[in-house]
């Protein structure tokens, strides 16, 4: 499991590095063109619907599986260069983490709130703007009322996450566009405050989303 995550991390870093290198080269060759004057603004807000898919993990004789889920993603981007900016996002979803242990199966349904910040590099090509991002943040898992009844003692837990991703915007005009995006999270499995659920395992969640973006 850890070897697969490490290999995936190296591949992702390589891809992001190549994208950033090509973006820097493009920016230097494009001169001093203003993002604001050509593209309608240096700030963006977005709203997207999303799906989250999490890899299974095993640790400390505990097998863990998370159900696929849907949610939403809200974001803000501010560009301080033609091609480079910062991204702040909030997302919400709900899923059930199934924990299969030697003493039984414990299913914990929880609301998931994500808070992230990242650097984003964009490569404007007319109406089409591909981008890549990397950063980090937190995932807060809040057990639902039914989960607290089914598994007494579970509590809210926040775990740190490494974030990477990419996607593309297609602008219909200077201010309005559509966005397709992929985000990946690498983080420790939550144990919800119960030692019996502590697997010490890392996992990976993939978030795919689509929605609208507004520049100003």
N, C-alpha and C. Protein backbone atom coordinates (compact mmCIF):
# COMPACT_ATOMS: atom_id res chain seq x y z
N UNK A 1 0.83 -1.21 0.00
CA UNK A 1 0.00 0.00 0.00
C UNK A 1 0.86 1.26 0.00
N UNK A 2 1.86 1.31 0.94
CA UNK A 2 2.71 2.49 1.03
C UNK A 2 3.58 2.65 -0.21
N UNK A 3 4.05 1.51 -0.79
CA UNK A 3 4.86 1.58 -1.99
C UNK A 3 4.05 2.15 -3.14
N UNK A 4 2.78 1.72 -3.28
CA UNK A 4 1.93 2.23 -4.35
C UNK A 4 1.69 3.72 -4.18
N UNK A 5 1.43 4.17 -2.94
CA UNK A 5 1.21 5.59 -2.68
C UNK A 5 2.47 6.39 -2.98
N UNK A 6 3.65 5.84 -2.59
CA UNK A 6 4.91 6.55 -2.83
C UNK A 6 5.18 6.68 -4.32
N UNK A 7 4.96 5.59 -5.07
CA UNK A 7 5.17 5.64 -6.51
C UNK A 7 4.22 6.62 -7.17
N UNK A 8 2.96 6.63 -6.72
CA UNK A 8 1.98 7.56 -7.27
C UNK A 8 2.38 9.00 -6.95
N UNK A 9 2.86 9.23 -5.73
CA UNK A 9 3.29 10.56 -5.32
C UNK A 9 4.44 11.05 -6.20
N UNK A 10 5.43 10.18 -6.46
CA UNK A 10 6.55 10.56 -7.33
C UNK A 10 6.08 10.90 -8.73
N UNK A 11 5.17 10.09 -9.27
CA UNK A 11 4.65 10.34 -10.62
C UNK A 11 3.92 11.67 -10.67
N UNK A 12 3.11 11.92 -9.68
CA UNK A 12 2.33 13.16 -9.63
C UNK A 12 3.26 14.37 -9.55
N UNK A 13 4.28 14.29 -8.68
CA UNK A 13 5.22 15.40 -8.54
C UNK A 13 5.95 15.66 -9.85
N UNK A 14 6.28 14.59 -10.57
CA UNK A 14 6.96 14.75 -11.86
C UNK A 14 6.06 15.45 -12.87
N UNK A 15 4.80 15.02 -12.94
CA UNK A 15 3.86 15.63 -13.88
C UNK A 15 3.63 17.10 -13.55
N UNK A 16 3.44 17.40 -12.26
CA UNK A 16 3.21 18.79 -11.86
C UNK A 16 4.44 19.63 -12.16
N UNK A 17 5.64 19.09 -11.90
CA UNK A 17 6.88 19.83 -12.17
C UNK A 17 7.02 20.14 -13.65
N UNK A 18 6.72 19.16 -14.50
CA UNK A 18 6.79 19.39 -15.94
C UNK A 18 5.80 20.45 -16.38
N UNK A 19 4.58 20.41 -15.80
CA UNK A 19 3.58 21.41 -16.16
C UNK A 19 4.03 22.80 -15.72
N UNK A 20 4.57 22.91 -14.50
CA UNK A 20 5.02 24.20 -14.01
C UNK A 20 6.18 24.73 -14.86
N UNK A 21 7.10 23.82 -15.25
CA UNK A 21 8.22 24.24 -16.09
C UNK A 21 7.74 24.77 -17.43
N UNK A 22 6.81 24.05 -18.06
CA UNK A 22 6.30 24.49 -19.36
C UNK A 22 5.52 25.79 -19.23
N UNK A 23 4.80 25.94 -18.11
CA UNK A 23 4.03 27.16 -17.88
C UNK A 23 4.96 28.36 -17.70
N UNK A 24 6.05 28.16 -16.93
CA UNK A 24 7.02 29.24 -16.74
C UNK A 24 7.63 29.66 -18.07
N UNK A 25 7.98 28.67 -18.89
CA UNK A 25 8.57 28.97 -20.18
C UNK A 25 7.60 29.74 -21.07
N UNK A 26 6.33 29.31 -21.04
CA UNK A 26 5.31 30.00 -21.82
C UNK A 26 5.14 31.43 -21.34
N UNK A 27 5.14 31.62 -20.00
CA UNK A 27 4.94 32.96 -19.45
C UNK A 27 6.08 33.89 -19.84
N UNK A 28 7.32 33.37 -19.83
CA UNK A 28 8.46 34.21 -20.19
C UNK A 28 8.43 34.59 -21.66
N UNK A 29 7.97 33.67 -22.49
CA UNK A 29 7.92 33.94 -23.93
C UNK A 29 6.77 34.84 -24.32
N UNK A 30 5.74 34.93 -23.45
CA UNK A 30 4.55 35.70 -23.80
C UNK A 30 4.67 37.16 -23.43
N UNK A 31 5.82 37.55 -22.80
CA UNK A 31 6.03 38.95 -22.49
C UNK A 31 5.24 39.40 -21.28
N UNK A 32 4.83 40.67 -21.27
CA UNK A 32 4.20 41.26 -20.10
C UNK A 32 2.69 41.38 -20.26
N UNK A 33 2.08 40.48 -21.01
CA UNK A 33 0.63 40.52 -21.22
C UNK A 33 -0.11 40.50 -19.88
N UNK A 34 -1.08 41.34 -19.72
CA UNK A 34 -1.83 41.42 -18.46
C UNK A 34 -2.97 40.43 -18.43
N UNK A 35 -3.00 39.62 -17.38
CA UNK A 35 -4.09 38.66 -17.20
C UNK A 35 -5.41 39.41 -17.09
N UNK A 36 -5.39 40.52 -16.34
CA UNK A 36 -6.63 41.26 -16.11
C UNK A 36 -7.18 41.88 -17.38
N UNK A 37 -6.32 42.52 -18.16
CA UNK A 37 -6.81 43.24 -19.33
C UNK A 37 -7.28 42.29 -20.43
N UNK A 38 -6.62 41.13 -20.57
CA UNK A 38 -6.98 40.21 -21.63
C UNK A 38 -8.10 39.25 -21.23
N UNK A 39 -8.14 38.88 -19.96
CA UNK A 39 -8.99 37.76 -19.56
C UNK A 39 -10.13 38.13 -18.60
N UNK A 40 -10.29 39.39 -18.27
CA UNK A 40 -11.46 39.79 -17.51
C UNK A 40 -11.29 39.87 -16.02
N UNK A 41 -10.09 39.71 -15.48
CA UNK A 41 -9.88 39.85 -14.05
C UNK A 41 -8.84 38.91 -13.51
N UNK A 42 -8.32 39.23 -12.31
CA UNK A 42 -7.32 38.40 -11.66
C UNK A 42 -7.90 37.54 -10.55
N UNK A 43 -9.19 37.61 -10.33
CA UNK A 43 -9.84 36.84 -9.28
C UNK A 43 -10.90 35.92 -9.88
N UNK A 44 -11.07 34.75 -9.27
CA UNK A 44 -12.07 33.79 -9.73
C UNK A 44 -12.79 33.17 -8.55
N UNK A 45 -14.08 32.94 -8.70
CA UNK A 45 -14.85 32.15 -7.76
C UNK A 45 -15.52 31.03 -8.55
N UNK A 46 -15.67 29.87 -7.91
CA UNK A 46 -16.24 28.73 -8.62
C UNK A 46 -17.16 27.94 -7.71
N UNK A 47 -18.09 27.24 -8.34
CA UNK A 47 -19.01 26.33 -7.64
C UNK A 47 -19.14 25.07 -8.49
N UNK A 48 -18.91 23.91 -7.86
CA UNK A 48 -18.91 22.65 -8.61
C UNK A 48 -19.61 21.55 -7.82
N UNK A 49 -20.15 20.59 -8.54
CA UNK A 49 -20.61 19.36 -7.93
C UNK A 49 -19.50 18.34 -8.09
N UNK A 50 -19.40 17.40 -7.14
CA UNK A 50 -18.25 16.52 -7.16
C UNK A 50 -18.60 15.11 -6.71
N UNK A 51 -17.72 14.19 -7.06
CA UNK A 51 -17.79 12.81 -6.59
C UNK A 51 -16.46 12.46 -5.93
N UNK A 52 -16.51 11.68 -4.85
CA UNK A 52 -15.30 11.31 -4.12
C UNK A 52 -15.19 9.79 -4.06
N UNK A 53 -13.99 9.30 -4.41
CA UNK A 53 -13.74 7.86 -4.49
C UNK A 53 -12.44 7.57 -3.74
N UNK A 54 -12.52 6.69 -2.73
CA UNK A 54 -11.40 6.44 -1.83
C UNK A 54 -10.87 5.02 -1.96
N UNK A 55 -9.55 4.89 -1.99
CA UNK A 55 -8.92 3.58 -2.06
C UNK A 55 -9.11 2.82 -0.75
N UNK A 56 -9.24 1.50 -0.84
CA UNK A 56 -9.26 0.65 0.35
C UNK A 56 -7.86 0.66 0.98
N UNK A 57 -7.81 0.38 2.29
CA UNK A 57 -6.52 0.32 2.98
C UNK A 57 -6.55 -0.78 4.03
N UNK A 58 -5.35 -1.23 4.39
CA UNK A 58 -5.20 -2.28 5.41
C UNK A 58 -4.06 -1.90 6.33
N UNK A 59 -4.29 -2.02 7.65
CA UNK A 59 -3.24 -1.76 8.63
C UNK A 59 -3.66 -2.25 9.99
N UNK A 60 -2.70 -2.76 10.76
CA UNK A 60 -2.98 -3.28 12.09
C UNK A 60 -4.13 -4.29 12.09
N UNK A 61 -4.16 -5.13 11.05
CA UNK A 61 -5.19 -6.17 10.89
C UNK A 61 -6.59 -5.58 10.74
N UNK A 62 -6.67 -4.32 10.27
CA UNK A 62 -7.95 -3.67 10.03
C UNK A 62 -8.07 -3.36 8.55
N UNK A 63 -9.12 -3.84 7.94
CA UNK A 63 -9.40 -3.53 6.54
C UNK A 63 -10.44 -2.41 6.49
N UNK A 64 -10.15 -1.36 5.72
CA UNK A 64 -11.04 -0.19 5.70
C UNK A 64 -11.46 0.14 4.28
N UNK A 65 -12.75 0.39 4.14
CA UNK A 65 -13.35 0.73 2.85
C UNK A 65 -14.29 1.91 3.06
N UNK A 66 -14.21 2.90 2.17
CA UNK A 66 -15.11 4.05 2.22
C UNK A 66 -16.06 4.01 1.04
N UNK A 67 -17.32 4.26 1.28
CA UNK A 67 -18.30 4.27 0.21
C UNK A 67 -18.07 5.49 -0.68
N UNK A 68 -18.39 5.35 -1.97
CA UNK A 68 -18.33 6.49 -2.89
C UNK A 68 -19.41 7.49 -2.51
N UNK A 69 -19.15 8.75 -2.75
CA UNK A 69 -20.12 9.77 -2.34
C UNK A 69 -20.08 10.97 -3.26
N UNK A 70 -21.13 11.78 -3.19
CA UNK A 70 -21.22 13.02 -3.94
C UNK A 70 -21.22 14.20 -3.00
N UNK A 71 -20.88 15.37 -3.52
CA UNK A 71 -20.86 16.56 -2.70
C UNK A 71 -20.71 17.80 -3.55
N UNK A 72 -20.14 18.84 -2.96
CA UNK A 72 -19.91 20.08 -3.72
C UNK A 72 -18.56 20.66 -3.33
N UNK A 73 -18.07 21.57 -4.18
CA UNK A 73 -16.78 22.21 -3.99
C UNK A 73 -16.91 23.68 -4.35
N UNK A 74 -16.53 24.55 -3.42
CA UNK A 74 -16.52 26.00 -3.63
C UNK A 74 -15.09 26.50 -3.58
N UNK A 75 -14.75 27.41 -4.48
CA UNK A 75 -13.36 27.85 -4.53
C UNK A 75 -13.17 29.31 -4.86
N UNK A 76 -11.99 29.80 -4.48
CA UNK A 76 -11.55 31.15 -4.84
C UNK A 76 -10.12 31.06 -5.34
N UNK A 77 -9.81 31.79 -6.40
CA UNK A 77 -8.44 31.90 -6.90
C UNK A 77 -8.08 33.35 -7.13
N UNK A 78 -6.88 33.69 -6.74
CA UNK A 78 -6.34 35.02 -7.01
C UNK A 78 -5.00 34.88 -7.69
N UNK A 79 -4.84 35.53 -8.85
CA UNK A 79 -3.60 35.44 -9.62
C UNK A 79 -2.75 36.67 -9.37
N UNK A 80 -1.48 36.45 -8.96
CA UNK A 80 -0.56 37.57 -8.79
C UNK A 80 0.44 37.64 -9.94
N UNK A 81 0.41 36.67 -10.85
CA UNK A 81 1.12 36.71 -12.11
C UNK A 81 0.16 36.24 -13.20
N UNK A 82 0.56 36.42 -14.46
CA UNK A 82 -0.30 35.98 -15.55
C UNK A 82 -0.64 34.50 -15.44
N UNK A 83 0.29 33.70 -14.89
CA UNK A 83 0.16 32.25 -14.93
C UNK A 83 0.16 31.60 -13.55
N UNK A 84 0.44 32.36 -12.49
CA UNK A 84 0.61 31.78 -11.16
C UNK A 84 -0.28 32.48 -10.14
N UNK A 85 -0.94 31.69 -9.28
CA UNK A 85 -1.81 32.26 -8.26
C UNK A 85 -1.99 31.32 -7.08
N UNK A 86 -2.95 31.69 -6.23
CA UNK A 86 -3.27 30.87 -5.06
C UNK A 86 -4.72 30.41 -5.16
N UNK A 87 -4.98 29.25 -4.58
CA UNK A 87 -6.30 28.64 -4.61
C UNK A 87 -6.73 28.32 -3.19
N UNK A 88 -7.92 28.71 -2.81
CA UNK A 88 -8.52 28.34 -1.52
C UNK A 88 -9.86 27.69 -1.80
N UNK A 89 -10.14 26.57 -1.14
CA UNK A 89 -11.36 25.83 -1.45
C UNK A 89 -11.98 25.22 -0.19
N UNK A 90 -13.29 25.08 -0.26
CA UNK A 90 -14.05 24.37 0.77
C UNK A 90 -14.94 23.35 0.07
N UNK A 91 -14.97 22.14 0.61
CA UNK A 91 -15.81 21.10 0.02
C UNK A 91 -16.57 20.33 1.09
N UNK A 92 -17.64 19.70 0.66
CA UNK A 92 -18.47 18.91 1.58
C UNK A 92 -18.90 17.62 0.90
N UNK A 93 -18.91 16.54 1.67
CA UNK A 93 -19.44 15.26 1.20
C UNK A 93 -19.81 14.44 2.44
N UNK A 94 -20.47 13.30 2.21
CA UNK A 94 -20.80 12.38 3.30
C UNK A 94 -20.56 10.95 2.81
N UNK A 95 -19.86 10.17 3.62
CA UNK A 95 -19.69 8.76 3.26
C UNK A 95 -19.66 7.90 4.51
N UNK A 96 -19.51 6.60 4.32
CA UNK A 96 -19.41 5.66 5.42
C UNK A 96 -18.09 4.92 5.33
N UNK A 97 -17.31 4.98 6.42
CA UNK A 97 -16.06 4.22 6.49
C UNK A 97 -16.35 2.89 7.16
N UNK A 98 -16.14 1.83 6.42
CA UNK A 98 -16.37 0.48 6.92
C UNK A 98 -15.06 -0.06 7.46
N UNK A 99 -15.03 -0.40 8.75
CA UNK A 99 -13.83 -0.87 9.42
C UNK A 99 -14.04 -2.34 9.81
N UNK A 100 -13.31 -3.22 9.15
CA UNK A 100 -13.43 -4.65 9.42
C UNK A 100 -12.25 -5.07 10.30
N UNK A 101 -12.53 -5.36 11.56
CA UNK A 101 -11.49 -5.71 12.53
C UNK A 101 -11.64 -7.16 12.97
N UNK A 102 -10.71 -7.61 13.82
CA UNK A 102 -10.76 -8.98 14.32
C UNK A 102 -11.90 -9.17 15.31
N UNK A 103 -12.45 -8.09 15.83
CA UNK A 103 -13.55 -8.19 16.80
C UNK A 103 -14.91 -7.87 16.20
N UNK A 104 -14.93 -7.49 14.93
CA UNK A 104 -16.20 -7.18 14.30
C UNK A 104 -16.07 -6.08 13.27
N UNK A 105 -17.20 -5.70 12.69
CA UNK A 105 -17.25 -4.65 11.67
C UNK A 105 -17.92 -3.41 12.26
N UNK A 106 -17.26 -2.27 12.09
CA UNK A 106 -17.77 -1.01 12.61
C UNK A 106 -17.93 -0.04 11.43
N UNK A 107 -19.16 0.34 11.14
CA UNK A 107 -19.45 1.26 10.05
C UNK A 107 -19.72 2.65 10.61
N UNK A 108 -18.90 3.62 10.21
CA UNK A 108 -19.03 4.98 10.73
C UNK A 108 -19.39 5.92 9.58
N UNK A 109 -20.61 6.41 9.58
CA UNK A 109 -21.02 7.42 8.60
C UNK A 109 -20.63 8.79 9.13
N UNK A 110 -20.06 9.62 8.25
CA UNK A 110 -19.63 10.94 8.71
C UNK A 110 -19.78 11.98 7.61
N UNK A 111 -19.97 13.23 8.05
CA UNK A 111 -19.91 14.38 7.16
C UNK A 111 -18.45 14.78 7.02
N UNK A 112 -18.01 15.04 5.78
CA UNK A 112 -16.62 15.38 5.53
C UNK A 112 -16.53 16.81 5.03
N UNK A 113 -15.82 17.64 5.78
CA UNK A 113 -15.57 19.02 5.38
C UNK A 113 -14.10 19.16 5.03
N UNK A 114 -13.82 19.64 3.84
CA UNK A 114 -12.43 19.83 3.41
C UNK A 114 -12.10 21.31 3.32
N UNK A 115 -10.89 21.67 3.80
CA UNK A 115 -10.40 23.04 3.76
C UNK A 115 -8.99 22.99 3.19
N UNK A 116 -8.77 23.60 2.06
CA UNK A 116 -7.47 23.47 1.42
C UNK A 116 -6.95 24.80 0.88
N UNK A 117 -5.64 24.87 0.75
CA UNK A 117 -4.98 25.99 0.11
C UNK A 117 -3.89 25.45 -0.79
N UNK A 118 -3.64 26.09 -1.93
CA UNK A 118 -2.68 25.56 -2.88
C UNK A 118 -2.15 26.66 -3.79
N UNK A 119 -1.00 26.39 -4.39
CA UNK A 119 -0.51 27.19 -5.50
C UNK A 119 -1.08 26.61 -6.78
N UNK A 120 -1.49 27.47 -7.70
CA UNK A 120 -2.06 27.00 -8.96
C UNK A 120 -1.34 27.68 -10.12
N UNK A 121 -1.00 26.87 -11.12
CA UNK A 121 -0.37 27.38 -12.34
C UNK A 121 -1.31 27.14 -13.50
N UNK A 122 -1.56 28.19 -14.28
CA UNK A 122 -2.49 28.11 -15.40
C UNK A 122 -1.77 28.44 -16.70
N UNK A 123 -2.23 27.84 -17.79
CA UNK A 123 -1.63 28.08 -19.10
C UNK A 123 -2.72 28.57 -20.05
N UNK A 124 -2.98 29.90 -20.09
CA UNK A 124 -4.05 30.42 -20.95
C UNK A 124 -3.78 30.18 -22.43
N UNK A 125 -4.72 29.50 -23.08
CA UNK A 125 -4.63 29.23 -24.52
C UNK A 125 -5.95 29.66 -25.15
N UNK A 126 -6.14 30.96 -25.29
CA UNK A 126 -7.41 31.47 -25.79
C UNK A 126 -8.50 31.26 -24.75
N UNK A 127 -9.58 30.62 -25.16
CA UNK A 127 -10.68 30.34 -24.23
C UNK A 127 -10.36 29.18 -23.30
N UNK A 128 -9.38 28.37 -23.65
CA UNK A 128 -9.06 27.14 -22.93
C UNK A 128 -7.89 27.38 -21.98
N UNK A 129 -8.09 27.10 -20.67
CA UNK A 129 -7.07 27.35 -19.66
C UNK A 129 -6.82 26.08 -18.84
N UNK A 130 -5.88 25.22 -19.22
CA UNK A 130 -5.52 24.09 -18.37
C UNK A 130 -4.75 24.58 -17.15
N UNK A 131 -4.81 23.84 -16.06
CA UNK A 131 -4.13 24.26 -14.84
C UNK A 131 -3.70 23.03 -14.03
N UNK A 132 -2.72 23.27 -13.14
CA UNK A 132 -2.29 22.27 -12.17
C UNK A 132 -2.14 22.95 -10.83
N UNK A 133 -2.34 22.21 -9.75
CA UNK A 133 -2.22 22.80 -8.42
C UNK A 133 -1.62 21.78 -7.45
N UNK A 134 -1.02 22.31 -6.38
CA UNK A 134 -0.46 21.47 -5.32
C UNK A 134 -0.49 22.27 -4.02
N UNK A 135 -0.82 21.60 -2.93
CA UNK A 135 -0.89 22.28 -1.64
C UNK A 135 -1.27 21.30 -0.54
N UNK A 136 -2.07 21.78 0.38
CA UNK A 136 -2.46 20.94 1.51
C UNK A 136 -3.66 21.52 2.22
N UNK A 137 -4.04 20.85 3.29
CA UNK A 137 -5.20 21.32 4.05
C UNK A 137 -5.64 20.28 5.06
N UNK A 138 -6.90 20.35 5.43
CA UNK A 138 -7.44 19.44 6.42
C UNK A 138 -8.76 18.85 5.99
N UNK A 139 -9.01 17.63 6.44
CA UNK A 139 -10.28 16.95 6.24
C UNK A 139 -10.88 16.69 7.62
N UNK A 140 -12.07 17.22 7.86
CA UNK A 140 -12.74 17.03 9.15
C UNK A 140 -13.86 16.01 8.98
N UNK A 141 -13.77 14.92 9.72
CA UNK A 141 -14.76 13.85 9.68
C UNK A 141 -15.65 13.98 10.93
N UNK A 142 -16.93 14.26 10.70
CA UNK A 142 -17.87 14.46 11.80
C UNK A 142 -18.92 13.35 11.77
N UNK A 143 -18.86 12.39 12.69
CA UNK A 143 -19.83 11.28 12.69
C UNK A 143 -21.26 11.79 12.79
N UNK A 144 -22.15 11.16 12.03
CA UNK A 144 -23.56 11.52 12.09
C UNK A 144 -24.19 10.94 13.35
N UNK A 145 -25.43 11.35 13.62
CA UNK A 145 -26.14 10.86 14.80
C UNK A 145 -26.31 9.34 14.75
N UNK A 146 -26.61 8.82 13.57
CA UNK A 146 -26.78 7.37 13.43
C UNK A 146 -25.47 6.64 13.69
N UNK A 147 -24.35 7.24 13.28
CA UNK A 147 -23.05 6.61 13.52
C UNK A 147 -22.73 6.58 15.01
N UNK A 148 -23.05 7.66 15.72
CA UNK A 148 -22.80 7.70 17.16
C UNK A 148 -23.64 6.66 17.89
N UNK A 149 -24.82 6.36 17.34
CA UNK A 149 -25.68 5.33 17.95
C UNK A 149 -25.14 3.94 17.64
N UNK A 150 -24.71 3.72 16.39
CA UNK A 150 -24.23 2.40 15.98
C UNK A 150 -22.87 2.06 16.56
N UNK A 151 -21.99 3.08 16.69
CA UNK A 151 -20.65 2.86 17.22
C UNK A 151 -20.41 3.88 18.34
N UNK A 152 -20.82 3.56 19.56
CA UNK A 152 -20.67 4.51 20.68
C UNK A 152 -19.21 4.92 20.89
N UNK A 153 -19.02 6.21 21.15
CA UNK A 153 -17.69 6.72 21.45
C UNK A 153 -17.00 7.40 20.30
N UNK A 154 -17.54 7.30 19.08
CA UNK A 154 -16.88 7.97 17.95
C UNK A 154 -16.99 9.48 18.10
N UNK A 155 -15.93 10.18 17.71
CA UNK A 155 -15.90 11.64 17.84
C UNK A 155 -15.38 12.26 16.55
N UNK A 156 -15.57 13.56 16.45
CA UNK A 156 -15.07 14.32 15.30
C UNK A 156 -13.55 14.28 15.27
N UNK A 157 -13.00 14.21 14.05
CA UNK A 157 -11.56 14.16 13.90
C UNK A 157 -11.13 14.89 12.63
N UNK A 158 -10.05 15.67 12.74
CA UNK A 158 -9.48 16.35 11.59
C UNK A 158 -8.10 15.78 11.29
N UNK A 159 -7.86 15.45 10.03
CA UNK A 159 -6.56 14.93 9.61
C UNK A 159 -5.98 15.84 8.54
N UNK A 160 -4.66 15.95 8.53
CA UNK A 160 -3.99 16.74 7.50
C UNK A 160 -3.94 15.96 6.19
N UNK A 161 -3.91 16.69 5.08
CA UNK A 161 -3.91 16.03 3.77
C UNK A 161 -2.99 16.77 2.81
N UNK A 162 -2.26 16.01 2.01
CA UNK A 162 -1.53 16.56 0.87
C UNK A 162 -2.49 16.61 -0.31
N UNK A 163 -2.50 17.74 -1.00
CA UNK A 163 -3.42 17.96 -2.12
C UNK A 163 -2.64 18.16 -3.41
N UNK A 164 -3.09 17.52 -4.47
CA UNK A 164 -2.58 17.78 -5.81
C UNK A 164 -3.76 17.71 -6.77
N UNK A 165 -3.60 18.27 -7.95
CA UNK A 165 -4.71 18.19 -8.89
C UNK A 165 -4.45 18.93 -10.18
N UNK A 166 -5.47 18.95 -11.00
CA UNK A 166 -5.38 19.62 -12.28
C UNK A 166 -6.74 19.63 -12.95
N UNK A 167 -6.81 20.32 -14.05
CA UNK A 167 -8.08 20.40 -14.77
C UNK A 167 -7.99 21.45 -15.86
N UNK A 168 -9.14 21.97 -16.25
CA UNK A 168 -9.18 22.98 -17.30
C UNK A 168 -10.43 23.82 -17.18
N UNK A 169 -10.30 25.09 -17.52
CA UNK A 169 -11.43 26.00 -17.64
C UNK A 169 -11.66 26.30 -19.12
N UNK A 170 -12.91 26.46 -19.47
CA UNK A 170 -13.24 26.95 -20.82
C UNK A 170 -14.13 28.17 -20.64
N UNK A 171 -13.62 29.33 -21.05
CA UNK A 171 -14.33 30.57 -20.84
C UNK A 171 -15.22 30.90 -22.04
N UNK A 172 -16.48 31.14 -21.73
CA UNK A 172 -17.48 31.48 -22.75
C UNK A 172 -17.39 32.96 -23.12
N UNK A 173 -16.77 33.73 -22.25
CA UNK A 173 -16.56 35.16 -22.47
C UNK A 173 -15.47 35.60 -21.52
N UNK A 174 -15.37 36.89 -21.26
CA UNK A 174 -14.31 37.38 -20.38
C UNK A 174 -14.52 36.99 -18.92
N UNK A 175 -15.77 36.77 -18.51
CA UNK A 175 -16.04 36.60 -17.09
C UNK A 175 -16.65 35.25 -16.72
N UNK A 176 -17.30 34.57 -17.62
CA UNK A 176 -18.01 33.33 -17.28
C UNK A 176 -17.41 32.13 -18.01
N UNK A 177 -17.20 31.05 -17.27
CA UNK A 177 -16.67 29.85 -17.88
C UNK A 177 -17.15 28.60 -17.17
N UNK A 178 -16.73 27.45 -17.69
CA UNK A 178 -17.04 26.16 -17.07
C UNK A 178 -15.72 25.50 -16.69
N UNK A 179 -15.76 24.68 -15.65
CA UNK A 179 -14.54 24.06 -15.13
C UNK A 179 -14.74 22.56 -14.93
N UNK A 180 -13.74 21.79 -15.34
CA UNK A 180 -13.64 20.37 -15.01
C UNK A 180 -12.35 20.17 -14.24
N UNK A 181 -12.43 19.44 -13.12
CA UNK A 181 -11.27 19.40 -12.23
C UNK A 181 -11.13 18.04 -11.56
N UNK A 182 -9.87 17.68 -11.31
CA UNK A 182 -9.54 16.49 -10.53
C UNK A 182 -8.68 16.91 -9.34
N UNK A 183 -9.02 16.41 -8.16
CA UNK A 183 -8.21 16.65 -6.97
C UNK A 183 -7.92 15.33 -6.29
N UNK A 184 -6.67 15.17 -5.85
CA UNK A 184 -6.28 13.97 -5.11
C UNK A 184 -5.83 14.34 -3.70
N UNK A 185 -6.20 13.52 -2.73
CA UNK A 185 -5.83 13.75 -1.33
C UNK A 185 -5.12 12.51 -0.79
N UNK A 186 -4.00 12.71 -0.14
CA UNK A 186 -3.30 11.63 0.55
C UNK A 186 -3.31 11.97 2.04
N UNK A 187 -3.79 11.05 2.87
CA UNK A 187 -3.98 11.37 4.29
C UNK A 187 -4.05 10.09 5.12
N UNK A 188 -3.96 10.25 6.45
CA UNK A 188 -4.10 9.13 7.37
C UNK A 188 -5.58 8.81 7.57
N UNK A 189 -5.87 7.53 7.64
CA UNK A 189 -7.24 7.12 7.93
C UNK A 189 -7.67 7.63 9.31
N UNK A 190 -8.87 8.20 9.43
CA UNK A 190 -9.34 8.62 10.75
C UNK A 190 -9.74 7.40 11.59
N UNK A 191 -9.52 7.51 12.90
CA UNK A 191 -9.98 6.45 13.81
C UNK A 191 -11.15 6.89 14.69
N UNK A 192 -11.57 8.15 14.51
CA UNK A 192 -12.74 8.70 15.22
C UNK A 192 -12.60 8.61 16.74
N UNK A 193 -11.34 8.66 17.21
CA UNK A 193 -11.11 8.65 18.64
C UNK A 193 -11.17 7.29 19.30
N UNK A 194 -11.28 6.22 18.50
CA UNK A 194 -11.37 4.86 19.05
C UNK A 194 -10.11 4.07 18.71
N UNK A 195 -9.35 3.60 19.71
CA UNK A 195 -8.15 2.80 19.43
C UNK A 195 -8.43 1.56 18.60
N UNK A 196 -9.61 0.98 18.73
CA UNK A 196 -9.93 -0.23 17.98
C UNK A 196 -9.99 0.03 16.48
N UNK A 197 -10.15 1.30 16.07
CA UNK A 197 -10.22 1.65 14.65
C UNK A 197 -8.92 2.26 14.14
N UNK A 198 -7.87 2.23 14.97
CA UNK A 198 -6.61 2.86 14.59
C UNK A 198 -5.79 1.91 13.73
N UNK A 199 -5.78 2.14 12.42
CA UNK A 199 -5.06 1.28 11.49
C UNK A 199 -3.66 1.80 11.15
N UNK A 200 -3.39 3.05 11.47
CA UNK A 200 -2.12 3.70 11.08
C UNK A 200 -1.87 3.59 9.57
N UNK A 201 -2.93 3.54 8.80
CA UNK A 201 -2.80 3.41 7.35
C UNK A 201 -3.06 4.74 6.67
N UNK A 202 -2.37 4.93 5.56
CA UNK A 202 -2.65 6.08 4.71
C UNK A 202 -3.57 5.64 3.58
N UNK A 203 -4.33 6.59 3.06
CA UNK A 203 -5.21 6.29 1.94
C UNK A 203 -5.21 7.45 0.96
N UNK A 204 -5.88 7.24 -0.15
CA UNK A 204 -5.94 8.25 -1.22
C UNK A 204 -7.39 8.40 -1.66
N UNK A 205 -7.85 9.63 -1.70
CA UNK A 205 -9.20 9.93 -2.21
C UNK A 205 -9.08 10.75 -3.49
N UNK A 206 -9.85 10.37 -4.49
CA UNK A 206 -9.91 11.10 -5.75
C UNK A 206 -11.23 11.85 -5.82
N UNK A 207 -11.16 13.14 -6.09
CA UNK A 207 -12.36 13.98 -6.21
C UNK A 207 -12.43 14.52 -7.63
N UNK A 208 -13.48 14.17 -8.33
CA UNK A 208 -13.74 14.71 -9.67
C UNK A 208 -14.91 15.68 -9.57
N UNK A 209 -14.82 16.78 -10.28
CA UNK A 209 -15.87 17.80 -10.15
C UNK A 209 -16.03 18.56 -11.44
N UNK A 210 -17.20 19.20 -11.57
CA UNK A 210 -17.50 20.03 -12.73
C UNK A 210 -18.46 21.12 -12.29
N UNK A 211 -18.30 22.32 -12.86
CA UNK A 211 -19.18 23.41 -12.50
C UNK A 211 -18.86 24.69 -13.26
N UNK A 212 -19.15 25.81 -12.65
CA UNK A 212 -18.98 27.11 -13.30
C UNK A 212 -17.93 27.93 -12.57
N UNK A 213 -17.33 28.87 -13.29
CA UNK A 213 -16.33 29.77 -12.73
C UNK A 213 -16.64 31.19 -13.21
N UNK A 214 -16.46 32.14 -12.29
CA UNK A 214 -16.72 33.56 -12.59
C UNK A 214 -15.47 34.35 -12.28
N UNK A 215 -15.01 35.16 -13.25
CA UNK A 215 -13.84 36.02 -13.07
C UNK A 215 -14.26 37.47 -12.90
N UNK A 216 -13.45 38.15 -12.08
CA UNK A 216 -13.75 39.57 -11.85
C UNK A 216 -12.46 40.31 -11.51
